[in-house]
Amino acid sequence: MKTKIILSCLLAGVVIGGIVYVVLHSNSQARFTDALVWIKTQGWRAPALFVLLFLSTAGIVMPVAFLVVAAGILFGVFQGTLIILFCTLLSATILFLIARKAGCGNISKTIEANPKFKAIDAAIAKSGWKIVAMLRLVPILNSNLINYACGLTRIHLKNYLMGTLLGSFPAAVLYTYIGFLIGDIAKMHAQNSGRSAMEWALVIVSL
């Protein structure tokens, strides 16, 4: 019970803290893209601030794909991919553990009472990382729902994170590369306007 409360408070703190920090410290409190532009100006703190923004908004305020492309614009392909994978694993771990601690009792009873659920749970527990990797490769599936759903099964956290890493890697590279290309295009527009290349890039992404 204590563990469940601690994990719930941790997630709530990350979400609330991230939103409050960005709102109070960004140049504009109204637009999400302005927060990203501001993060770009923060030097060595930028990756940590982006991680905080990702955890507090991904799949809730902004689509995950938008944030991955934004990482490519902000940090380039290599660093952007590493940051996105770190964000993905951290977010997946938090939601997975919350689901496991919060629903382990009731879910276990439901699984034991239903042969179909029991068979699915056994298959995931046996070949979990492969199933998780395949789920991560399906773009239409909500990543947060995958995190919660897998937390309700008997899959080991290590296997879950392995599947998450392998399944998320291709999309992370692809979308950060797209962001990198958009950043290059934005530089050309910035030469003939009053906006910076970063502002143009984020405007293009938000269209």
C-alpha atoms as a PDB file:
ATOM      1  CA  MET A   1       0.000   0.000   0.000  1.00  0.00           C
ATOM      2  CA  LYS A   2       2.814   2.403   0.893  1.00  0.00           C
ATOM      3  CA  THR A   3       4.592   1.603  -2.367  1.00  0.00           C
ATOM      4  CA  LYS A   4       1.452   2.346  -4.369  1.00  0.00           C
ATOM      5  CA  ILE A   5       1.006   5.692  -2.637  1.00  0.00           C
ATOM      6  CA  ILE A   6       4.655   6.627  -3.165  1.00  0.00           C
ATOM      7  CA  LEU A   7       4.550   5.768  -6.882  1.00  0.00           C
ATOM      8  CA  SER A   8       1.295   7.658  -7.377  1.00  0.00           C
ATOM      9  CA  CYS A   9       2.691  10.714  -5.627  1.00  0.00           C
ATOM     10  CA  LEU A  10       5.881  10.458  -7.684  1.00  0.00           C
ATOM     11  CA  LEU A  11       4.015  10.463 -10.988  1.00  0.00           C
ATOM     12  CA  ALA A  12       1.723  13.272  -9.868  1.00  0.00           C
ATOM     13  CA  GLY A  13       4.742  15.272  -8.759  1.00  0.00           C
ATOM     14  CA  VAL A  14       6.486  14.797 -12.105  1.00  0.00           C
ATOM     15  CA  VAL A  15       3.412  15.871 -14.066  1.00  0.00           C
ATOM     16  CA  ILE A  16       2.543  18.860 -11.900  1.00  0.00           C
ATOM     17  CA  GLY A  17       6.154  19.900 -11.409  1.00  0.00           C
ATOM     18  CA  GLY A  18       6.913  19.730 -15.124  1.00  0.00           C
ATOM     19  CA  ILE A  19       3.915  21.821 -16.097  1.00  0.00           C
ATOM     20  CA  VAL A  20       4.494  24.408 -13.372  1.00  0.00           C
ATOM     21  CA  TYR A  21       8.214  24.698 -14.134  1.00  0.00           C
ATOM     22  CA  VAL A  22       7.700  25.216 -17.841  1.00  0.00           C
ATOM     23  CA  VAL A  23       4.869  27.682 -17.300  1.00  0.00           C
ATOM     24  CA  LEU A  24       6.804  29.769 -14.779  1.00  0.00           C
ATOM     25  CA  HIS A  25      10.155  29.774 -16.549  1.00  0.00           C
ATOM     26  CA  SER A  26       9.369  29.882 -20.255  1.00  0.00           C
ATOM     27  CA  ASN A  27       9.210  33.160 -22.177  1.00  0.00           C
ATOM     28  CA  SER A  28       5.599  32.507 -23.110  1.00  0.00           C
ATOM     29  CA  GLN A  29       3.076  30.835 -20.859  1.00  0.00           C
ATOM     30  CA  ALA A  30       0.511  30.368 -23.597  1.00  0.00           C
ATOM     31  CA  ARG A  31       2.119  28.219 -26.267  1.00  0.00           C
ATOM     32  CA  PHE A  32       3.750  24.852 -26.041  1.00  0.00           C
ATOM     33  CA  THR A  33       6.077  25.584 -28.930  1.00  0.00           C
ATOM     34  CA  ASP A  34       7.424  28.626 -27.110  1.00  0.00           C
ATOM     35  CA  ALA A  35       8.385  26.351 -24.235  1.00  0.00           C
ATOM     36  CA  LEU A  36      10.431  24.235 -26.652  1.00  0.00           C
ATOM     37  CA  VAL A  37      12.076  27.336 -28.103  1.00  0.00           C
ATOM     38  CA  TRP A  38      12.947  28.434 -24.574  1.00  0.00           C
ATOM     39  CA  ILE A  39      14.359  24.993 -23.723  1.00  0.00           C
ATOM     40  CA  LYS A  40      16.707  25.288 -26.703  1.00  0.00           C
ATOM     41  CA  THR A  41      18.236  28.405 -25.125  1.00  0.00           C
ATOM     42  CA  GLN A  42      19.025  26.719 -21.820  1.00  0.00           C
ATOM     43  CA  GLY A  43      22.358  25.185 -22.824  1.00  0.00           C
ATOM     44  CA  TRP A  44      23.444  22.169 -20.781  1.00  0.00           C
ATOM     45  CA  ARG A  45      20.105  22.156 -18.937  1.00  0.00           C
ATOM     46  CA  ALA A  46      18.104  21.676 -22.147  1.00  0.00           C
ATOM     47  CA  PRO A  47      18.115  17.829 -22.215  1.00  0.00           C
ATOM     48  CA  ALA A  48      16.946  17.577 -18.588  1.00  0.00           C
ATOM     49  CA  LEU A  49      14.227  20.171 -19.165  1.00  0.00           C
ATOM     50  CA  PHE A  50      13.060  18.341 -22.271  1.00  0.00           C
ATOM     51  CA  VAL A  51      12.849  15.084 -20.295  1.00  0.00           C
ATOM     52  CA  LEU A  52      10.719  16.850 -17.692  1.00  0.00           C
ATOM     53  CA  LEU A  53       8.479  18.295 -20.397  1.00  0.00           C
ATOM     54  CA  PHE A  54       8.165  14.897 -22.078  1.00  0.00           C
ATOM     55  CA  LEU A  55       7.135  13.139 -18.862  1.00  0.00           C
ATOM     56  CA  SER A  56       4.531  15.772 -18.049  1.00  0.00           C
ATOM     57  CA  THR A  57       2.942  16.086 -21.502  1.00  0.00           C
ATOM     58  CA  ALA A  58       3.591  12.988 -23.668  1.00  0.00           C
ATOM     59  CA  GLY A  59       0.334  11.347 -24.659  1.00  0.00           C
ATOM     60  CA  ILE A  60      -1.590  13.743 -22.409  1.00  0.00           C
ATOM     61  CA  VAL A  61      -1.072  17.287 -23.682  1.00  0.00           C
ATOM     62  CA  MET A  62       0.892  16.556 -26.852  1.00  0.00           C
ATOM     63  CA  PRO A  63       1.208  13.511 -29.139  1.00  0.00           C
ATOM     64  CA  VAL A  64       4.357  11.498 -28.522  1.00  0.00           C
ATOM     65  CA  ALA A  65       5.308  11.731 -32.214  1.00  0.00           C
ATOM     66  CA  PHE A  66       5.353  15.541 -32.023  1.00  0.00           C
ATOM     67  CA  LEU A  67       7.737  15.426 -29.064  1.00  0.00           C
ATOM     68  CA  VAL A  68      10.036  12.965 -30.836  1.00  0.00           C
ATOM     69  CA  VAL A  69      10.206  15.199 -33.914  1.00  0.00           C
ATOM     70  CA  ALA A  70      10.820  18.173 -31.629  1.00  0.00           C
ATOM     71  CA  ALA A  71      13.744  16.312 -30.059  1.00  0.00           C
ATOM     72  CA  GLY A  72      15.263  15.930 -33.520  1.00  0.00           C
ATOM     73  CA  ILE A  73      14.888  19.652 -34.118  1.00  0.00           C
ATOM     74  CA  LEU A  74      16.333  20.595 -30.736  1.00  0.00           C
ATOM     75  CA  PHE A  75      19.157  18.091 -30.380  1.00  0.00           C
ATOM     76  CA  GLY A  76      19.798  16.410 -33.735  1.00  0.00           C
ATOM     77  CA  VAL A  77      19.468  12.735 -34.634  1.00  0.00           C
ATOM     78  CA  PHE A  78      22.016  11.101 -32.312  1.00  0.00           C
ATOM     79  CA  GLN A  79      21.445  13.048 -29.115  1.00  0.00           C
ATOM     80  CA  GLY A  80      17.731  13.381 -29.828  1.00  0.00           C
ATOM     81  CA  THR A  81      17.359   9.614 -30.199  1.00  0.00           C
ATOM     82  CA  LEU A  82      19.204   8.965 -26.935  1.00  0.00           C
ATOM     83  CA  ILE A  83      17.062  11.495 -25.076  1.00  0.00           C
ATOM     84  CA  ILE A  84      13.828  10.084 -26.491  1.00  0.00           C
ATOM     85  CA  LEU A  85      14.792   6.519 -25.597  1.00  0.00           C
ATOM     86  CA  PHE A  86      15.642   7.637 -22.066  1.00  0.00           C
ATOM     87  CA  CYS A  87      12.289   9.447 -21.795  1.00  0.00           C
ATOM     88  CA  THR A  88      10.454   6.417 -23.145  1.00  0.00           C
ATOM     89  CA  LEU A  89      12.093   3.983 -20.731  1.00  0.00           C
ATOM     90  CA  LEU A  90      11.622   6.259 -17.729  1.00  0.00           C
ATOM     91  CA  SER A  91       7.972   6.949 -18.524  1.00  0.00           C
ATOM     92  CA  ALA A  92       7.341   3.266 -19.242  1.00  0.00           C
ATOM     93  CA  THR A  93       8.910   2.225 -15.939  1.00  0.00           C
ATOM     94  CA  ILE A  94       6.854   4.670 -13.862  1.00  0.00           C
ATOM     95  CA  LEU A  95       3.511   3.755 -15.454  1.00  0.00           C
ATOM     96  CA  PHE A  96       4.335   0.035 -15.471  1.00  0.00           C
ATOM     97  CA  LEU A  97       5.106   0.013 -11.743  1.00  0.00           C
ATOM     98  CA  ILE A  98       2.037   2.071 -10.882  1.00  0.00           C
ATOM     99  CA  ALA A  99      -0.197  -0.339 -12.799  1.00  0.00           C
ATOM    100  CA  ARG A 100       1.470  -3.350 -11.208  1.00  0.00           C
ATOM    101  CA  LYS A 101       1.248  -2.073  -7.649  1.00  0.00           C
ATOM    102  CA  ALA A 102      -2.218  -0.588  -7.985  1.00  0.00           C
ATOM    103  CA  GLY A 103      -3.945  -3.479  -9.720  1.00  0.00           C
ATOM    104  CA  CYS A 104      -2.038  -6.610  -8.793  1.00  0.00           C
ATOM    105  CA  GLY A 105      -4.623  -7.972  -6.359  1.00  0.00           C
ATOM    106  CA  ASN A 106      -7.836  -7.522  -8.335  1.00  0.00           C
ATOM    107  CA  ILE A 107      -6.232  -8.320 -11.676  1.00  0.00           C
ATOM    108  CA  SER A 108      -4.691 -11.541 -10.382  1.00  0.00           C
ATOM    109  CA  LYS A 109      -8.108 -12.741  -9.279  1.00  0.00           C
ATOM    110  CA  THR A 110      -9.621 -11.835 -12.655  1.00  0.00           C
ATOM    111  CA  ILE A 111      -6.882 -13.641 -14.573  1.00  0.00           C
ATOM    112  CA  GLU A 112      -7.152 -16.765 -12.472  1.00  0.00           C
ATOM    113  CA  ALA A 113     -10.918 -16.858 -12.972  1.00  0.00           C
ATOM    114  CA  ASN A 114     -10.771 -16.494 -16.766  1.00  0.00           C
ATOM    115  CA  PRO A 115      -8.950 -19.182 -18.811  1.00  0.00           C
ATOM    116  CA  LYS A 116      -8.443 -16.847 -21.791  1.00  0.00           C
ATOM    117  CA  PHE A 117      -6.874 -14.115 -19.692  1.00  0.00           C
ATOM    118  CA  LYS A 118      -4.784 -16.723 -17.944  1.00  0.00           C
ATOM    119  CA  ALA A 119      -3.449 -18.026 -21.273  1.00  0.00           C
ATOM    120  CA  ILE A 120      -2.661 -14.505 -22.521  1.00  0.00           C
ATOM    121  CA  ASP A 121      -0.911 -13.641 -19.274  1.00  0.00           C
ATOM    122  CA  ALA A 122       1.150 -16.835 -19.461  1.00  0.00           C
ATOM    123  CA  ALA A 123       2.168 -16.111 -23.073  1.00  0.00           C
ATOM    124  CA  ILE A 124       3.250 -12.574 -22.213  1.00  0.00           C
ATOM    125  CA  ALA A 125       5.175 -13.808 -19.191  1.00  0.00           C
ATOM    126  CA  LYS A 126       6.988 -16.385 -21.352  1.00  0.00           C
ATOM    127  CA  SER A 127       7.759 -14.325 -24.475  1.00  0.00           C
ATOM    128  CA  GLY A 128       7.076 -10.903 -23.046  1.00  0.00           C
ATOM    129  CA  TRP A 129       9.824  -8.803 -24.584  1.00  0.00           C
ATOM    130  CA  LYS A 130       8.938  -9.967 -28.100  1.00  0.00           C
ATOM    131  CA  ILE A 131       5.269  -9.109 -27.624  1.00  0.00           C
ATOM    132  CA  VAL A 132       6.094  -5.732 -26.100  1.00  0.00           C
ATOM    133  CA  ALA A 133       8.480  -4.948 -28.974  1.00  0.00           C
ATOM    134  CA  MET A 134       5.774  -5.769 -31.526  1.00  0.00           C
ATOM    135  CA  LEU A 135       3.242  -3.605 -29.685  1.00  0.00           C
ATOM    136  CA  ARG A 136       5.684  -0.697 -29.683  1.00  0.00           C
ATOM    137  CA  LEU A 137       6.088  -1.032 -33.453  1.00  0.00           C
ATOM    138  CA  VAL A 138       2.364  -0.400 -34.024  1.00  0.00           C
ATOM    139  CA  PRO A 139       2.048   3.409 -34.338  1.00  0.00           C
ATOM    140  CA  ILE A 140      -1.703   3.585 -33.679  1.00  0.00           C
ATOM    141  CA  LEU A 141      -1.416   2.058 -30.199  1.00  0.00           C
ATOM    142  CA  ASN A 142      -1.246   4.516 -27.315  1.00  0.00           C
ATOM    143  CA  SER A 143       2.061   4.080 -25.499  1.00  0.00           C
ATOM    144  CA  ASN A 144       0.586   4.943 -22.107  1.00  0.00           C
ATOM    145  CA  LEU A 145      -2.077   2.256 -22.493  1.00  0.00           C
ATOM    146  CA  ILE A 146       0.629  -0.273 -23.373  1.00  0.00           C
ATOM    147  CA  ASN A 147       2.521   0.688 -20.222  1.00  0.00           C
ATOM    148  CA  TYR A 148      -0.516   0.234 -18.010  1.00  0.00           C
ATOM    149  CA  ALA A 149      -1.680  -2.967 -19.703  1.00  0.00           C
ATOM    150  CA  CYS A 150       1.717  -4.653 -19.455  1.00  0.00           C
ATOM    151  CA  GLY A 151       1.967  -3.652 -15.810  1.00  0.00           C
ATOM    152  CA  LEU A 152      -1.102  -5.775 -15.148  1.00  0.00           C
ATOM    153  CA  THR A 153       0.571  -8.916 -16.498  1.00  0.00           C
ATOM    154  CA  ARG A 154       3.301 -11.099 -15.001  1.00  0.00           C
ATOM    155  CA  ILE A 155       6.012  -9.954 -17.400  1.00  0.00           C
ATOM    156  CA  HIS A 156       9.296  -9.141 -15.657  1.00  0.00           C
ATOM    157  CA  LEU A 157      10.262  -5.465 -15.664  1.00  0.00           C
ATOM    158  CA  LYS A 158      13.628  -6.249 -17.274  1.00  0.00           C
ATOM    159  CA  ASN A 159      11.987  -8.040 -20.208  1.00  0.00           C
ATOM    160  CA  TYR A 160       9.401  -5.298 -20.501  1.00  0.00           C
ATOM    161  CA  LEU A 161      12.062  -2.605 -20.760  1.00  0.00           C
ATOM    162  CA  MET A 162      14.042  -4.677 -23.270  1.00  0.00           C
ATOM    163  CA  GLY A 163      10.990  -4.982 -25.510  1.00  0.00           C
ATOM    164  CA  THR A 164      10.220  -1.297 -25.068  1.00  0.00           C
ATOM    165  CA  LEU A 165      13.755  -0.298 -26.042  1.00  0.00           C
ATOM    166  CA  LEU A 166      13.900  -2.524 -29.122  1.00  0.00           C
ATOM    167  CA  GLY A 167      10.393  -1.644 -30.269  1.00  0.00           C
ATOM    168  CA  SER A 168      10.804   2.097 -29.742  1.00  0.00           C
ATOM    169  CA  PHE A 169      14.226   2.448 -31.353  1.00  0.00           C
ATOM    170  CA  PRO A 170      13.159   2.501 -35.061  1.00  0.00           C
ATOM    171  CA  ALA A 171      10.506   5.183 -34.542  1.00  0.00           C
ATOM    172  CA  ALA A 172      12.854   7.239 -32.369  1.00  0.00           C
ATOM    173  CA  VAL A 173      15.497   7.313 -35.100  1.00  0.00           C
ATOM    174  CA  LEU A 174      12.981   7.975 -37.884  1.00  0.00           C
ATOM    175  CA  TYR A 175      11.130  10.828 -36.203  1.00  0.00           C
ATOM    176  CA  THR A 176      14.223  12.543 -34.830  1.00  0.00           C
ATOM    177  CA  TYR A 177      15.696  12.396 -38.344  1.00  0.00           C
ATOM    178  CA  ILE A 178      12.523  13.984 -39.700  1.00  0.00           C
ATOM    179  CA  GLY A 179      12.893  16.677 -37.057  1.00  0.00           C
ATOM    180  CA  PHE A 180      16.515  17.212 -38.048  1.00  0.00           C
ATOM    181  CA  LEU A 181      15.496  17.685 -41.704  1.00  0.00           C
ATOM    182  CA  ILE A 182      12.726  20.083 -40.717  1.00  0.00           C
ATOM    183  CA  GLY A 183      15.292  22.064 -38.767  1.00  0.00           C
ATOM    184  CA  ASP A 184      17.433  22.413 -41.898  1.00  0.00           C
ATOM    185  CA  ILE A 185      14.445  23.593 -43.942  1.00  0.00           C
ATOM    186  CA  ALA A 186      13.548  26.080 -41.222  1.00  0.00           C
ATOM    187  CA  LYS A 187      17.009  27.660 -41.413  1.00  0.00           C
ATOM    188  CA  MET A 188      16.313  28.718 -44.997  1.00  0.00           C
ATOM    189  CA  HIS A 189      13.033  30.378 -43.994  1.00  0.00           C
ATOM    190  CA  ALA A 190      14.694  32.086 -41.048  1.00  0.00           C
ATOM    191  CA  GLN A 191      17.106  33.951 -43.314  1.00  0.00           C
ATOM    192  CA  ASN A 192      14.263  35.976 -44.837  1.00  0.00           C
ATOM    193  CA  SER A 193      12.109  36.536 -41.759  1.00  0.00           C
ATOM    194  CA  GLY A 194      12.203  37.840 -38.235  1.00  0.00           C
ATOM    195  CA  ARG A 195      11.798  34.385 -36.724  1.00  0.00           C
ATOM    196  CA  SER A 196      14.584  32.089 -35.634  1.00  0.00           C
ATOM    197  CA  ALA A 197      15.182  28.736 -37.314  1.00  0.00           C
ATOM    198  CA  MET A 198      13.922  26.962 -34.187  1.00  0.00           C
ATOM    199  CA  GLU A 199      10.650  28.915 -34.234  1.00  0.00           C
ATOM    200  CA  TRP A 200      10.119  28.138 -37.926  1.00  0.00           C
ATOM    201  CA  ALA A 201      10.847  24.446 -37.374  1.00  0.00           C
ATOM    202  CA  LEU A 202       8.318  24.137 -34.569  1.00  0.00           C
ATOM    203  CA  VAL A 203       5.725  26.044 -36.579  1.00  0.00           C
ATOM    204  CA  ILE A 204       6.199  23.583 -39.461  1.00  0.00           C
ATOM    205  CA  VAL A 205       5.833  20.596 -37.113  1.00  0.00           C
ATOM    206  CA  SER A 206       2.668  21.963 -35.534  1.00  0.00           C
ATOM    207  CA  LEU A 207       0.894  22.333 -38.884  1.00  0.00           C
END
